[in-house]
């Protein structure tokens, strides 16, 4: 009996995760994805009245194939055996585990790595402002002081889908210029529309107008950096340094415990990786992206 675990069961509505999780495993992400037409489903692992784990999966039909995608999950309650993370997903299925330990579990069940593991930058927000300030790299802290002494004006508020679409257009232009892709603008608008207070937009201005912005999405006790933009003059003014510090202190003051600054790419964007890590953030490895073509036994629960 020691090797037996409760069964993962489908849910009609998104269950609350049993602990902090990546944005992709929070119900707010699922609600936004559903609002833009994605097929989202949920599974829960329960024992008695307690929830031991949750999983948010996305399903997409590509021709005759129905692909199941499990991003950054599942989420297990503290103390739950990692073996319980094994989900009987229908095949073919893609899994991007949040930890290397869960990745090894899936690989032992026939999943094969498609992409090498990425690293994310995570900042612990539980220390006080003085400790967070002391944790900044010296060059980062010097740039912050220069920005604080400069002419920048800043403010922050929730993202407004009705008035902030121009900001998303700026981000799209930036993506094309720099050759990367992010979630579509419709997702950002849907996230803000379905959860009006679950985003925070930090904006910097000079006398000529807006110089930069950073947008964070809020979920549970975690905040995740979503998108940002900077005019050419923003770098000289250290605008993003000032905005990120203001975001850190704002989030700490409202009880958030973790800031997810996103993936680190030391080859394509080494400067951005340094900028994130010099906040005192820790680089944590995720699992590789994994694929299994054949379904598990009992996989009909997620069909």
Protein backbone atom coordinates (compact mmCIF):
# COMPACT_ATOMS: atom_id res chain seq x y z
CA UNK A 1 0.00 0.00 0.00
CA UNK A 2 2.97 2.33 0.51
CA UNK A 3 3.39 2.56 -3.26
CA UNK A 4 -0.25 3.45 -3.93
CA UNK A 5 -1.28 7.00 -4.70
CA UNK A 6 -4.69 8.64 -5.13
CA UNK A 7 -5.88 8.95 -8.72
CA UNK A 8 -5.71 12.15 -10.75
CA UNK A 9 -9.27 13.08 -11.70
CA UNK A 10 -10.64 15.66 -14.16
CA UNK A 11 -12.24 18.84 -12.79
CA UNK A 12 -15.07 20.91 -14.25
CA UNK A 13 -13.45 24.11 -12.98
CA UNK A 14 -9.86 25.03 -12.21
CA UNK A 15 -8.83 23.94 -8.71
CA UNK A 16 -6.66 26.20 -6.59
CA UNK A 17 -3.02 25.01 -6.67
CA UNK A 18 -1.82 23.60 -3.34
CA UNK A 19 1.18 25.93 -3.29
CA UNK A 20 3.13 28.55 -5.24
CA UNK A 21 3.34 27.77 -8.93
CA UNK A 22 4.45 29.04 -12.29
CA UNK A 23 2.06 31.33 -14.12
CA UNK A 24 1.21 28.54 -16.59
CA UNK A 25 -0.26 26.42 -13.77
CA UNK A 26 -2.42 29.09 -12.18
CA UNK A 27 -6.17 29.29 -12.90
CA UNK A 28 -5.82 32.92 -14.02
CA UNK A 29 -3.60 31.76 -16.89
CA UNK A 30 -6.13 29.08 -17.82
CA UNK A 31 -9.01 31.55 -17.77
CA UNK A 32 -7.13 33.93 -20.06
CA UNK A 33 -6.19 31.13 -22.45
CA UNK A 34 -9.81 29.97 -22.58
CA UNK A 35 -10.92 33.53 -23.28
CA UNK A 36 -8.78 33.58 -26.45
CA UNK A 37 -10.07 30.21 -27.62
CA UNK A 38 -7.65 27.66 -26.14
CA UNK A 39 -8.85 24.24 -24.99
CA UNK A 40 -7.92 24.10 -21.29
CA UNK A 41 -8.57 21.24 -18.87
CA UNK A 42 -7.75 20.57 -15.23
CA UNK A 43 -6.85 17.57 -13.13
CA UNK A 44 -6.66 17.26 -9.35
CA UNK A 45 -5.08 14.76 -7.00
CA UNK A 46 -7.12 14.63 -3.81
CA UNK A 47 -7.10 12.62 -0.62
CA UNK A 48 -10.09 13.05 1.64
CA UNK A 49 -10.85 16.77 1.72
CA UNK A 50 -7.27 17.76 0.89
CA UNK A 51 -5.72 18.57 -2.48
CA UNK A 52 -2.34 16.94 -3.01
CA UNK A 53 -1.78 18.22 -6.53
CA UNK A 54 -3.23 20.12 -9.48
CA UNK A 55 -2.43 20.16 -13.17
CA UNK A 56 -3.57 22.60 -15.86
CA UNK A 57 -3.25 21.19 -19.37
CA UNK A 58 -3.83 22.65 -22.82
CA UNK A 59 -5.05 20.60 -25.77
CA UNK A 60 -4.66 21.41 -29.43
CA UNK A 61 -5.63 19.57 -32.58
CA UNK A 62 -2.98 19.56 -35.33
CA UNK A 63 -4.59 17.88 -38.31
CA UNK A 64 -5.77 14.46 -37.12
CA UNK A 65 -3.55 14.59 -34.02
CA UNK A 66 -4.72 15.88 -30.65
CA UNK A 67 -1.73 17.13 -28.68
CA UNK A 68 -1.78 17.52 -24.90
CA UNK A 69 0.56 20.12 -23.37
CA UNK A 70 1.46 20.28 -19.67
CA UNK A 71 3.51 23.46 -19.05
CA UNK A 72 5.51 23.91 -15.82
CA UNK A 73 3.49 21.36 -13.87
CA UNK A 74 1.96 19.59 -12.12
CA UNK A 75 1.88 21.42 -8.77
CA UNK A 76 2.23 19.25 -5.67
CA UNK A 77 1.44 20.16 -2.08
CA UNK A 78 4.46 20.38 0.24
CA UNK A 79 5.38 16.95 1.53
CA UNK A 80 3.69 15.05 -1.32
CA UNK A 81 5.82 12.28 -2.83
CA UNK A 82 7.30 13.47 -6.16
CA UNK A 83 6.17 10.18 -7.72
CA UNK A 84 2.61 11.45 -7.45
CA UNK A 85 3.42 13.97 -10.21
CA UNK A 86 3.17 11.26 -12.87
CA UNK A 87 0.04 12.03 -14.94
CA UNK A 88 -1.60 9.49 -17.28
CA UNK A 89 -1.84 11.91 -20.21
CA UNK A 90 -3.22 10.86 -23.59
CA UNK A 91 -0.67 10.62 -26.37
CA UNK A 92 0.93 12.34 -27.99
CA UNK A 93 1.75 14.62 -25.08
CA UNK A 94 4.32 17.32 -24.36
CA UNK A 95 5.45 18.01 -20.80
CA UNK A 96 7.65 20.84 -19.55
CA UNK A 97 8.31 19.94 -15.91
CA UNK A 98 9.07 22.71 -13.45
CA UNK A 99 11.88 20.75 -11.79
CA UNK A 100 14.60 18.37 -12.90
CA UNK A 101 13.33 15.79 -10.40
CA UNK A 102 9.89 15.61 -12.01
CA UNK A 103 11.54 15.57 -15.44
CA UNK A 104 13.48 12.42 -14.49
CA UNK A 105 10.22 10.83 -13.34
CA UNK A 106 8.58 11.44 -16.73
CA UNK A 107 11.66 10.24 -18.59
CA UNK A 108 11.49 6.99 -16.64
CA UNK A 109 7.97 6.54 -18.09
CA UNK A 110 8.98 6.80 -21.72
CA UNK A 111 9.16 10.55 -22.31
CA UNK A 112 12.03 11.72 -24.51
CA UNK A 113 13.72 15.13 -24.38
CA UNK A 114 13.04 17.46 -27.30
CA UNK A 115 14.64 20.63 -25.92
CA UNK A 116 17.40 21.06 -23.37
CA UNK A 117 16.49 22.47 -19.95
CA UNK A 118 16.12 26.22 -19.58
CA UNK A 119 16.88 28.25 -16.46
CA UNK A 120 14.60 30.81 -14.85
CA UNK A 121 15.59 33.74 -12.66
CA UNK A 122 13.64 33.80 -9.38
CA UNK A 123 13.88 36.47 -6.71
CA UNK A 124 12.88 35.74 -3.12
CA UNK A 125 10.73 38.68 -1.99
CA UNK A 126 10.38 37.70 1.66
CA UNK A 127 13.37 39.71 3.04
CA UNK A 128 12.82 43.33 3.96
CA UNK A 129 13.67 46.23 1.60
CA UNK A 130 17.04 46.84 3.26
CA UNK A 131 18.06 43.22 2.70
CA UNK A 132 16.78 43.26 -0.87
CA UNK A 133 18.74 46.46 -1.52
CA UNK A 134 21.88 44.93 -0.04
CA UNK A 135 21.40 41.89 -2.28
CA UNK A 136 21.70 43.96 -5.46
CA UNK A 137 24.91 43.70 -7.44
CA UNK A 138 27.06 46.81 -6.95
CA UNK A 139 26.75 47.98 -10.57
CA UNK A 140 22.97 47.40 -10.50
CA UNK A 141 22.67 49.38 -7.27
CA UNK A 142 24.76 52.25 -8.66
CA UNK A 143 22.53 52.46 -11.75
CA UNK A 144 19.47 52.46 -9.51
CA UNK A 145 20.83 55.40 -7.51
CA UNK A 146 21.62 57.28 -10.71
CA UNK A 147 18.08 56.71 -11.99
CA UNK A 148 16.56 57.77 -8.66
CA UNK A 149 18.55 61.00 -8.78
CA UNK A 150 17.64 61.68 -12.40
CA UNK A 151 14.66 63.36 -14.05
CA UNK A 152 12.52 60.24 -14.59
CA UNK A 153 8.91 60.30 -13.43
CA UNK A 154 7.21 56.98 -12.76
CA UNK A 155 3.81 55.59 -11.87
CA UNK A 156 2.15 52.19 -11.72
CA UNK A 157 -1.36 50.80 -12.01
CA UNK A 158 -3.22 47.72 -13.34
CA UNK A 159 -3.01 47.10 -17.08
CA UNK A 160 -6.14 48.39 -18.83
CA UNK A 161 -7.09 46.52 -22.03
CA UNK A 162 -9.12 49.53 -23.21
CA UNK A 163 -6.37 52.15 -22.96
CA UNK A 164 -3.09 50.22 -23.14
CA UNK A 165 -3.23 48.46 -26.51
CA UNK A 166 -0.62 50.90 -27.86
CA UNK A 167 1.84 49.46 -25.36
CA UNK A 168 1.30 45.99 -26.80
CA UNK A 169 1.94 47.32 -30.30
CA UNK A 170 5.27 48.72 -29.11
CA UNK A 171 6.16 45.33 -27.67
CA UNK A 172 5.28 43.57 -30.95
CA UNK A 173 7.55 45.95 -32.88
CA UNK A 174 10.31 45.21 -30.38
CA UNK A 175 9.81 41.45 -30.75
CA UNK A 176 10.17 41.65 -34.53
CA UNK A 177 13.25 43.87 -34.28
CA UNK A 178 14.98 41.58 -31.80
CA UNK A 179 13.79 38.27 -33.23
CA UNK A 180 11.88 36.71 -30.35
CA UNK A 181 8.26 35.80 -29.65
CA UNK A 182 5.99 36.03 -26.61
CA UNK A 183 2.36 35.30 -25.84
CA UNK A 184 -0.01 37.16 -28.18
CA UNK A 185 -1.47 40.55 -27.22
CA UNK A 186 -4.89 38.92 -26.92
CA UNK A 187 -3.65 36.90 -23.97
CA UNK A 188 -2.47 40.01 -22.12
CA UNK A 189 -5.80 41.74 -22.69
CA UNK A 190 -7.75 38.62 -21.66
CA UNK A 191 -5.71 38.18 -18.48
CA UNK A 192 -6.30 41.78 -17.45
CA UNK A 193 -9.97 41.70 -18.44
CA UNK A 194 -10.78 38.52 -16.52
CA UNK A 195 -8.82 39.58 -13.42
CA UNK A 196 -8.83 43.36 -13.18
CA UNK A 197 -6.38 43.66 -10.26
CA UNK A 198 -4.08 40.78 -11.27
CA UNK A 199 -1.61 42.83 -13.30
CA UNK A 200 0.71 45.71 -12.50
CA UNK A 201 2.11 48.08 -15.09
CA UNK A 202 5.12 50.27 -14.20
CA UNK A 203 5.79 53.21 -16.55
CA UNK A 204 8.68 55.72 -16.74
CA UNK A 205 8.47 59.13 -18.43
CA UNK A 206 10.85 61.97 -19.16
CA UNK A 207 9.95 65.41 -20.47
CA UNK A 208 9.58 64.07 -24.01
CA UNK A 209 7.11 61.32 -23.07
CA UNK A 210 7.09 57.64 -22.14
CA UNK A 211 10.52 56.02 -22.02
CA UNK A 212 9.84 52.49 -20.78
CA UNK A 213 7.41 50.13 -19.13
CA UNK A 214 7.38 46.76 -17.37
CA UNK A 215 4.27 44.60 -16.96
CA UNK A 216 3.89 41.93 -14.30
CA UNK A 217 1.13 39.33 -13.91
CA UNK A 218 0.06 38.43 -10.36
CA UNK A 219 -1.02 34.93 -9.35
CA UNK A 220 -1.27 33.66 -5.81
CA UNK A 221 1.81 34.71 -3.84
CA UNK A 222 3.92 34.92 -7.02
CA UNK A 223 4.41 37.67 -9.59
CA UNK A 224 5.74 36.94 -13.08
CA UNK A 225 7.45 39.40 -15.41
CA UNK A 226 5.38 39.36 -18.60
CA UNK A 227 6.56 41.98 -21.12
CA UNK A 228 8.49 45.22 -21.23
CA UNK A 229 9.56 47.91 -23.66
CA UNK A 230 12.18 50.63 -23.71
CA UNK A 231 12.87 53.58 -25.99
CA UNK A 232 16.50 54.10 -27.08
CA UNK A 233 16.99 56.79 -24.42
CA UNK A 234 15.73 54.48 -21.65
CA UNK A 235 19.02 52.62 -21.36
CA UNK A 236 20.99 55.83 -20.71
CA UNK A 237 18.45 56.82 -18.06
CA UNK A 238 18.47 53.33 -16.43
CA UNK A 239 14.68 53.37 -16.70
CA UNK A 240 14.18 49.60 -16.45
CA UNK A 241 16.46 49.46 -13.41
CA UNK A 242 14.29 52.01 -11.62
CA UNK A 243 11.02 50.36 -12.68
CA UNK A 244 12.12 46.87 -11.65
CA UNK A 245 13.22 48.10 -8.22
CA UNK A 246 9.88 49.84 -7.76
CA UNK A 247 8.14 46.61 -8.74
CA UNK A 248 10.23 44.62 -6.24
CA UNK A 249 9.41 46.95 -3.35
CA UNK A 250 5.72 47.19 -4.36
CA UNK A 251 5.34 43.42 -4.52
CA UNK A 252 7.17 42.84 -1.24
CA UNK A 253 4.94 45.39 0.48
CA UNK A 254 1.84 43.53 -0.65
CA UNK A 255 2.93 40.14 0.57
CA UNK A 256 4.19 38.51 -2.60
CA UNK A 257 6.92 36.00 -1.82
CA UNK A 258 8.47 35.29 -5.24
CA UNK A 259 9.17 37.19 -8.44
CA UNK A 260 9.65 35.10 -11.57
CA UNK A 261 11.81 37.14 -13.95
CA UNK A 262 11.52 34.61 -16.77
CA UNK A 263 14.01 32.47 -18.62
CA UNK A 264 17.71 33.23 -18.92
CA UNK A 265 19.41 33.13 -22.31
CA UNK A 266 23.11 33.70 -21.76
CA UNK A 267 23.92 33.17 -25.44
CA UNK A 268 21.29 35.24 -27.32
CA UNK A 269 20.71 37.85 -24.58
CA UNK A 270 23.62 37.83 -22.10
CA UNK A 271 23.03 41.46 -21.07
CA UNK A 272 19.43 40.76 -20.13
CA UNK A 273 20.47 37.65 -18.18
CA UNK A 274 22.99 39.73 -16.19
CA UNK A 275 20.35 42.41 -15.57
CA UNK A 276 18.00 39.82 -14.05
CA UNK A 277 20.59 38.02 -11.94
CA UNK A 278 22.10 41.22 -10.57
CA UNK A 279 18.85 41.85 -8.71
CA UNK A 280 19.91 39.02 -6.39
CA UNK A 281 17.74 36.51 -8.25
CA UNK A 282 18.73 32.86 -8.35
CA UNK A 283 19.05 30.86 -11.57
CA UNK A 284 17.02 27.67 -11.23
CA UNK A 285 16.98 24.89 -13.84
CA UNK A 286 13.69 23.64 -15.23
CA UNK A 287 13.24 20.22 -16.75
CA UNK A 288 13.67 19.69 -20.49
CA UNK A 289 10.67 19.74 -22.81
CA UNK A 290 9.58 16.11 -23.11
CA UNK A 291 7.49 14.18 -25.64
CA UNK A 292 5.67 10.87 -25.45
CA UNK A 293 3.80 9.65 -28.54
CA UNK A 294 1.87 6.78 -26.97
CA UNK A 295 -0.76 7.27 -24.23
CA UNK A 296 -0.35 5.93 -20.73
CA UNK A 297 -2.53 3.17 -19.42
CA UNK A 298 -5.70 4.83 -18.13
CA UNK A 299 -5.03 8.00 -20.10
CA UNK A 300 -8.70 8.43 -20.97
CA UNK A 301 -9.12 10.59 -17.86
CA UNK A 302 -7.63 13.53 -19.75
CA UNK A 303 -9.12 12.84 -23.14
